[in-house]
Amino acid sequence: MHTIGKIALVAIAIFITGCTQAASPKDMTPTVPTPLPTGMILDAAVSSDNVSFPIESTFDNQTPDIYIIAKIVDAPKDTTVSAKWIYVDNVADNQYHKFNEVIFMDTCLVTGTRDVSFMHSGPTEGWRYGRYQVSLYLNEKEGTLVQFDVIRPKTQFQVSTPGNIGIQPITPGIGQLNVPVTQVKFSWNPWWNVNVNKYQFDLARDASFKQIITSTFPTTTNYEYAEILDYGKNYFWRVRPTIVNRNPVFRNWSATFSFQTKKAPASIYSDNSSP
């Protein structure tokens, strides 16, 4: 295994694991001993390829290896970097069972500024379908987390249904009809049992989100669209977390939810009306 140029945490696989460090130049060790740098995790990402390193959020259950890559900055000598792998939930057959099962812990020592990568290989029978979370720690203090999903083929999911388990809509409901065209209120359940500081909310005219009406960043699980929508039209929306425990996260979009606005009211005027 080798290190990529992004701090890496790798997701799940119980059988093969590893932690590697980039070759460290001589000037990596802090030259000023007082005060010592506290160290921080600058960035973290998930990938199935630690060579070209495309950032990914979903994987097939036959993916051989998953890498978590992390960028460590100004770490004092022999700083402990740990990765906790958690199998969060099971979405096989569109069922939702929450596990929060710790499947592995991995640790290595770093000094200075460098990349660290953790890797796990999938079991021979394939990854369990569901959501995984990897938390990274510096000296036992949580620095950041990344998440990814192992999903079934996309043909098994449908628009406007809770395909990828996680955020679910409260209002409007899935496929809800006769939604008002003004002051439309959106709400959704919290993203797991973690402290989400900011979400991203998208509202669009199409399911592929090429015609986005608004993209905003609410700090709660509620958003009100103040503009006016068209009568009798279908609209699509989605949500994802962007900051968790005050740390930016690599995150997945929720499933795409849809609703339809109410039809235009009949005219209250009549051509043959009399005074």
Protein backbone atom coordinates (compact mmCIF):
# COMPACT_ATOMS: atom_id res chain seq x y z
CA MET A 1 0.00 0.00 0.00
CA HIS A 2 1.23 3.50 -0.60
CA THR A 3 0.20 6.94 0.36
CA ILE A 4 -1.75 9.33 -1.86
CA GLY A 5 -1.45 13.03 -1.85
CA LYS A 6 -4.57 13.47 0.16
CA ILE A 7 -5.12 12.43 3.72
CA ALA A 8 -6.73 9.18 3.54
CA LEU A 9 -8.99 7.15 5.54
CA VAL A 10 -10.13 3.97 4.04
CA ALA A 11 -13.40 2.40 4.39
CA ILE A 12 -14.31 -1.01 5.53
CA ALA A 13 -12.99 -4.48 4.87
CA ILE A 14 -12.03 -6.50 7.79
CA PHE A 15 -9.43 -8.74 6.36
CA ILE A 16 -6.62 -6.54 5.04
CA THR A 17 -5.65 -3.32 6.69
CA GLY A 18 -2.79 -0.92 6.63
CA CYS A 19 -1.48 2.53 7.37
CA THR A 20 1.34 4.09 5.37
CA GLN A 21 3.14 7.39 5.38
CA ALA A 22 4.57 9.38 2.53
CA ALA A 23 8.34 9.53 2.36
CA SER A 24 9.17 12.31 4.76
CA PRO A 25 11.79 14.93 3.80
CA LYS A 26 14.32 15.92 6.43
CA ASP A 27 12.64 19.27 6.92
CA MET A 28 9.33 17.66 7.94
CA THR A 29 10.26 17.74 11.64
CA PRO A 30 9.35 21.10 13.23
CA THR A 31 12.46 23.25 13.56
CA VAL A 32 11.11 25.36 16.42
CA PRO A 33 10.66 23.12 19.46
CA THR A 34 8.82 25.71 21.55
CA PRO A 35 5.90 25.86 21.26
CA LEU A 36 5.28 22.52 19.60
CA PRO A 37 2.59 22.54 16.89
CA THR A 38 -0.67 20.97 17.96
CA GLY A 39 -1.22 19.24 14.64
CA MET A 40 -4.44 19.02 12.62
CA ILE A 41 -6.18 16.97 9.96
CA LEU A 42 -6.42 19.28 6.97
CA ASP A 43 -8.38 17.05 4.64
CA ALA A 44 -9.73 13.53 4.24
CA ALA A 45 -11.30 11.59 1.39
CA VAL A 46 -12.39 8.15 0.22
CA SER A 47 -11.28 6.35 -2.93
CA SER A 48 -11.05 2.91 -4.51
CA ASP A 49 -7.85 3.85 -6.34
CA ASN A 50 -4.86 5.19 -4.44
CA VAL A 51 -3.00 5.96 -7.66
CA SER A 52 -5.22 8.39 -9.56
CA PHE A 53 -7.27 9.03 -6.43
CA PRO A 54 -10.73 9.99 -7.66
CA ILE A 55 -12.82 11.13 -4.71
CA GLU A 56 -15.82 8.82 -4.41
CA SER A 57 -18.83 8.43 -2.15
CA THR A 58 -20.48 5.23 -3.39
CA PHE A 59 -19.03 1.81 -4.19
CA ASP A 60 -20.08 -1.51 -5.63
CA ASN A 61 -20.08 -4.38 -3.14
CA GLN A 62 -17.34 -6.11 -5.18
CA THR A 63 -14.92 -3.17 -4.88
CA PRO A 64 -11.58 -4.82 -3.99
CA ASP A 65 -10.07 -2.09 -1.79
CA ILE A 66 -11.28 1.17 -0.28
CA TYR A 67 -8.82 3.83 0.82
CA ILE A 68 -9.15 6.64 3.33
CA ILE A 69 -6.53 9.30 2.79
CA ALA A 70 -5.77 12.10 5.22
CA LYS A 71 -3.50 15.14 5.13
CA ILE A 72 -1.80 15.69 8.48
CA VAL A 73 -0.36 19.15 9.12
CA ASP A 74 2.24 20.21 11.74
CA ALA A 75 2.00 17.06 13.82
CA PRO A 76 4.41 16.87 16.79
CA LYS A 77 6.81 13.95 16.81
CA ASP A 78 5.15 10.53 17.01
CA THR A 79 1.59 11.82 16.87
CA THR A 80 -0.87 8.94 16.91
CA VAL A 81 -3.30 8.88 14.01
CA SER A 82 -6.16 6.43 14.43
CA ALA A 83 -9.00 5.35 12.17
CA LYS A 84 -12.22 3.88 13.53
CA TRP A 85 -14.34 2.04 10.95
CA ILE A 86 -18.07 1.81 11.62
CA TYR A 87 -20.75 -0.08 9.71
CA VAL A 88 -23.67 2.30 10.23
CA ASP A 89 -26.71 0.71 8.60
CA ASN A 90 -27.99 -1.95 6.21
CA VAL A 91 -30.01 -0.96 3.16
CA ALA A 92 -30.15 -4.36 1.48
CA ASP A 93 -33.57 -4.91 -0.10
CA ASN A 94 -34.46 -1.31 0.83
CA GLN A 95 -34.67 -2.25 4.51
CA TYR A 96 -33.34 0.05 7.21
CA HIS A 97 -31.57 -1.45 10.19
CA LYS A 98 -29.19 0.70 12.20
CA PHE A 99 -26.12 -1.07 13.57
CA ASN A 100 -23.34 1.43 14.40
CA GLU A 101 -21.01 -1.55 14.52
CA VAL A 102 -17.31 -0.83 15.01
CA ILE A 103 -15.61 -3.21 12.60
CA PHE A 104 -11.97 -2.17 12.88
CA MET A 105 -9.47 0.19 14.51
CA ASP A 106 -6.16 1.06 12.86
CA THR A 107 -3.30 3.27 14.12
CA CYS A 108 0.01 4.69 12.97
CA LEU A 109 2.53 7.35 14.07
CA VAL A 110 3.32 10.52 12.11
CA THR A 111 5.56 13.56 12.48
CA GLY A 112 5.28 16.89 10.69
CA THR A 113 3.20 17.42 7.55
CA ARG A 114 2.46 14.35 5.46
CA ASP A 115 -0.17 12.13 3.95
CA VAL A 116 -1.42 9.02 5.70
CA SER A 117 -3.53 6.31 4.11
CA PHE A 118 -5.57 3.51 5.58
CA MET A 119 -6.83 0.65 3.44
CA HIS A 120 -9.24 -2.22 3.88
CA SER A 121 -10.06 -4.94 1.39
CA GLY A 122 -13.56 -6.31 1.02
CA PRO A 123 -14.43 -9.81 2.21
CA THR A 124 -14.60 -12.54 -0.43
CA GLU A 125 -18.40 -12.50 -0.35
CA GLY A 126 -18.43 -8.74 -0.98
CA TRP A 127 -19.09 -5.68 1.13
CA ARG A 128 -22.28 -5.53 3.11
CA TYR A 129 -24.71 -3.08 1.58
CA GLY A 130 -25.15 0.07 3.58
CA ARG A 131 -23.45 3.14 4.93
CA TYR A 132 -20.00 3.23 6.48
CA GLN A 133 -18.31 5.89 8.55
CA VAL A 134 -14.62 6.31 9.29
CA SER A 135 -13.56 8.65 12.09
CA LEU A 136 -10.02 9.96 12.23
CA TYR A 137 -8.32 10.81 15.52
CA LEU A 138 -5.13 12.65 16.45
CA ASN A 139 -3.86 11.47 19.83
CA GLU A 140 -7.32 10.06 20.62
CA LYS A 141 -9.07 13.37 19.81
CA GLU A 142 -11.51 13.15 16.91
CA GLY A 143 -10.40 15.32 14.01
CA THR A 144 -12.85 14.56 11.21
CA LEU A 145 -14.95 11.82 9.65
CA VAL A 146 -15.79 10.58 6.18
CA GLN A 147 -18.69 8.45 5.00
CA PHE A 148 -19.42 6.29 1.98
CA ASP A 149 -22.14 3.93 0.81
CA VAL A 150 -21.99 0.43 -0.65
CA ILE A 151 -25.06 0.29 -2.84
CA ARG A 152 -27.01 -2.04 -5.08
CA PRO A 153 -27.24 -1.26 -8.82
CA LYS A 154 -29.00 2.03 -9.46
CA THR A 155 -31.79 0.28 -11.34
CA GLN A 156 -33.04 -0.99 -7.98
CA PHE A 157 -33.68 2.56 -6.75
CA GLN A 158 -36.37 4.95 -7.89
CA VAL A 159 -36.64 8.70 -7.85
CA SER A 160 -38.80 10.06 -5.04
CA THR A 161 -38.28 7.03 -2.82
CA PRO A 162 -35.81 6.74 0.07
CA GLY A 163 -33.24 4.76 -1.92
CA ASN A 164 -30.10 5.74 -0.03
CA ILE A 165 -31.02 5.51 3.62
CA GLY A 166 -30.13 8.56 5.71
CA ILE A 167 -31.96 11.85 5.40
CA GLN A 168 -35.71 11.36 4.90
CA PRO A 169 -38.31 14.04 4.09
CA ILE A 170 -40.95 15.20 6.54
CA THR A 171 -42.57 17.95 4.45
CA PRO A 172 -43.42 17.86 1.64
CA GLY A 173 -43.93 14.11 1.76
CA ILE A 174 -42.62 11.83 -0.97
CA GLY A 175 -44.69 12.46 -4.10
CA GLN A 176 -47.03 14.84 -2.25
CA LEU A 177 -49.68 16.56 -4.39
CA ASN A 178 -51.39 19.96 -4.11
CA VAL A 179 -48.42 21.66 -2.48
CA PRO A 180 -48.87 25.48 -2.24
CA VAL A 181 -46.91 27.58 -4.70
CA THR A 182 -45.90 30.17 -2.10
CA GLN A 183 -43.95 29.88 1.15
CA VAL A 184 -43.26 26.19 0.64
CA LYS A 185 -41.82 24.76 3.85
CA PHE A 186 -39.28 21.92 3.63
CA SER A 187 -38.18 19.77 6.56
CA TRP A 188 -36.29 16.51 7.00
CA ASN A 189 -35.08 14.22 9.76
CA PRO A 190 -31.59 14.86 11.21
CA TRP A 191 -28.62 13.17 9.57
CA TRP A 192 -27.91 10.31 11.98
CA ASN A 193 -27.15 11.03 15.62
CA VAL A 194 -24.39 13.54 15.00
CA ASN A 195 -24.10 17.30 15.35
CA VAL A 196 -24.68 18.71 11.86
CA ASN A 197 -23.79 22.40 11.72
CA LYS A 198 -24.79 23.00 8.12
CA TYR A 199 -26.68 21.28 5.30
CA GLN A 200 -26.90 21.93 1.58
CA PHE A 201 -30.41 22.09 0.13
CA ASP A 202 -31.16 21.96 -3.61
CA LEU A 203 -34.52 22.58 -5.30
CA ALA A 204 -34.83 21.89 -9.03
CA ARG A 205 -37.27 21.54 -11.90
CA ASP A 206 -35.78 18.21 -13.00
CA ALA A 207 -34.65 15.01 -11.29
CA SER A 208 -31.10 15.35 -12.67
CA PHE A 209 -30.75 18.80 -11.03
CA LYS A 210 -29.65 20.51 -14.21
CA GLN A 211 -32.33 23.16 -13.73
CA ILE A 212 -31.69 24.18 -10.14
CA ILE A 213 -34.01 26.83 -8.76
CA THR A 214 -32.12 27.42 -5.53
CA SER A 215 -29.16 25.95 -3.69
CA THR A 216 -28.76 27.12 -0.12
CA PHE A 217 -27.07 26.13 3.15
CA PRO A 218 -29.49 25.97 6.11
CA THR A 219 -28.14 25.38 9.60
CA THR A 220 -31.24 23.46 10.73
CA THR A 221 -33.43 20.71 9.29
CA ASN A 222 -35.91 23.28 7.97
CA TYR A 223 -36.01 25.60 4.98
CA GLU A 224 -38.72 27.88 3.58
CA TYR A 225 -38.68 28.85 -0.09
CA ALA A 226 -39.84 32.44 -0.21
CA GLU A 227 -40.34 32.78 -3.97
CA ILE A 228 -43.33 31.62 -6.03
CA LEU A 229 -43.42 28.25 -7.79
CA ASP A 230 -45.49 27.43 -10.88
CA TYR A 231 -48.94 25.89 -10.60
CA GLY A 232 -49.35 22.20 -11.43
CA LYS A 233 -45.65 21.43 -11.83
CA ASN A 234 -43.36 18.71 -10.50
CA TYR A 235 -40.36 19.78 -8.42
CA PHE A 236 -37.41 17.85 -7.00
CA TRP A 237 -35.27 18.40 -3.91
CA ARG A 238 -32.37 16.84 -2.04
CA VAL A 239 -30.27 17.48 1.07
CA ARG A 240 -26.79 16.62 2.32
CA PRO A 241 -24.65 17.59 5.32
CA THR A 242 -21.65 19.83 4.68
CA ILE A 243 -20.31 20.52 8.18
CA VAL A 244 -20.43 17.96 11.01
CA ASN A 245 -19.04 18.68 14.48
CA ARG A 246 -17.65 21.91 12.99
CA ASN A 247 -15.60 19.97 10.44
CA PRO A 248 -16.19 19.88 6.66
CA VAL A 249 -17.18 16.40 5.55
CA PHE A 250 -17.23 14.39 2.36
CA ARG A 251 -20.87 13.47 2.17
CA ASN A 252 -23.54 11.88 0.00
CA TRP A 253 -26.74 13.43 -1.25
CA SER A 254 -29.97 12.10 0.14
CA ALA A 255 -32.30 10.33 -2.25
CA THR A 256 -34.14 12.66 -4.62
CA PHE A 257 -37.60 13.64 -3.36
CA SER A 258 -40.40 15.06 -5.49
CA PHE A 259 -43.71 16.86 -5.08
CA GLN A 260 -46.32 18.53 -7.28
CA THR A 261 -47.81 21.98 -6.75
CA LYS A 262 -51.56 22.55 -6.77
CA LYS A 263 -53.38 23.39 -9.99
CA ALA A 264 -54.14 27.00 -10.88
CA PRO A 265 -57.41 28.27 -9.40
CA ALA A 266 -60.36 28.98 -11.70
CA SER A 267 -60.85 32.62 -12.62
CA ILE A 268 -63.14 34.47 -10.27
CA TYR A 269 -64.32 36.68 -13.11
CA SER A 270 -67.05 35.86 -15.64
CA ASP A 271 -67.49 37.56 -18.99
CA ASN A 272 -71.29 37.65 -18.65
CA SER A 273 -71.39 38.73 -15.02
CA SER A 274 -73.84 41.53 -14.21
CA PRO A 275 -73.37 44.29 -11.66
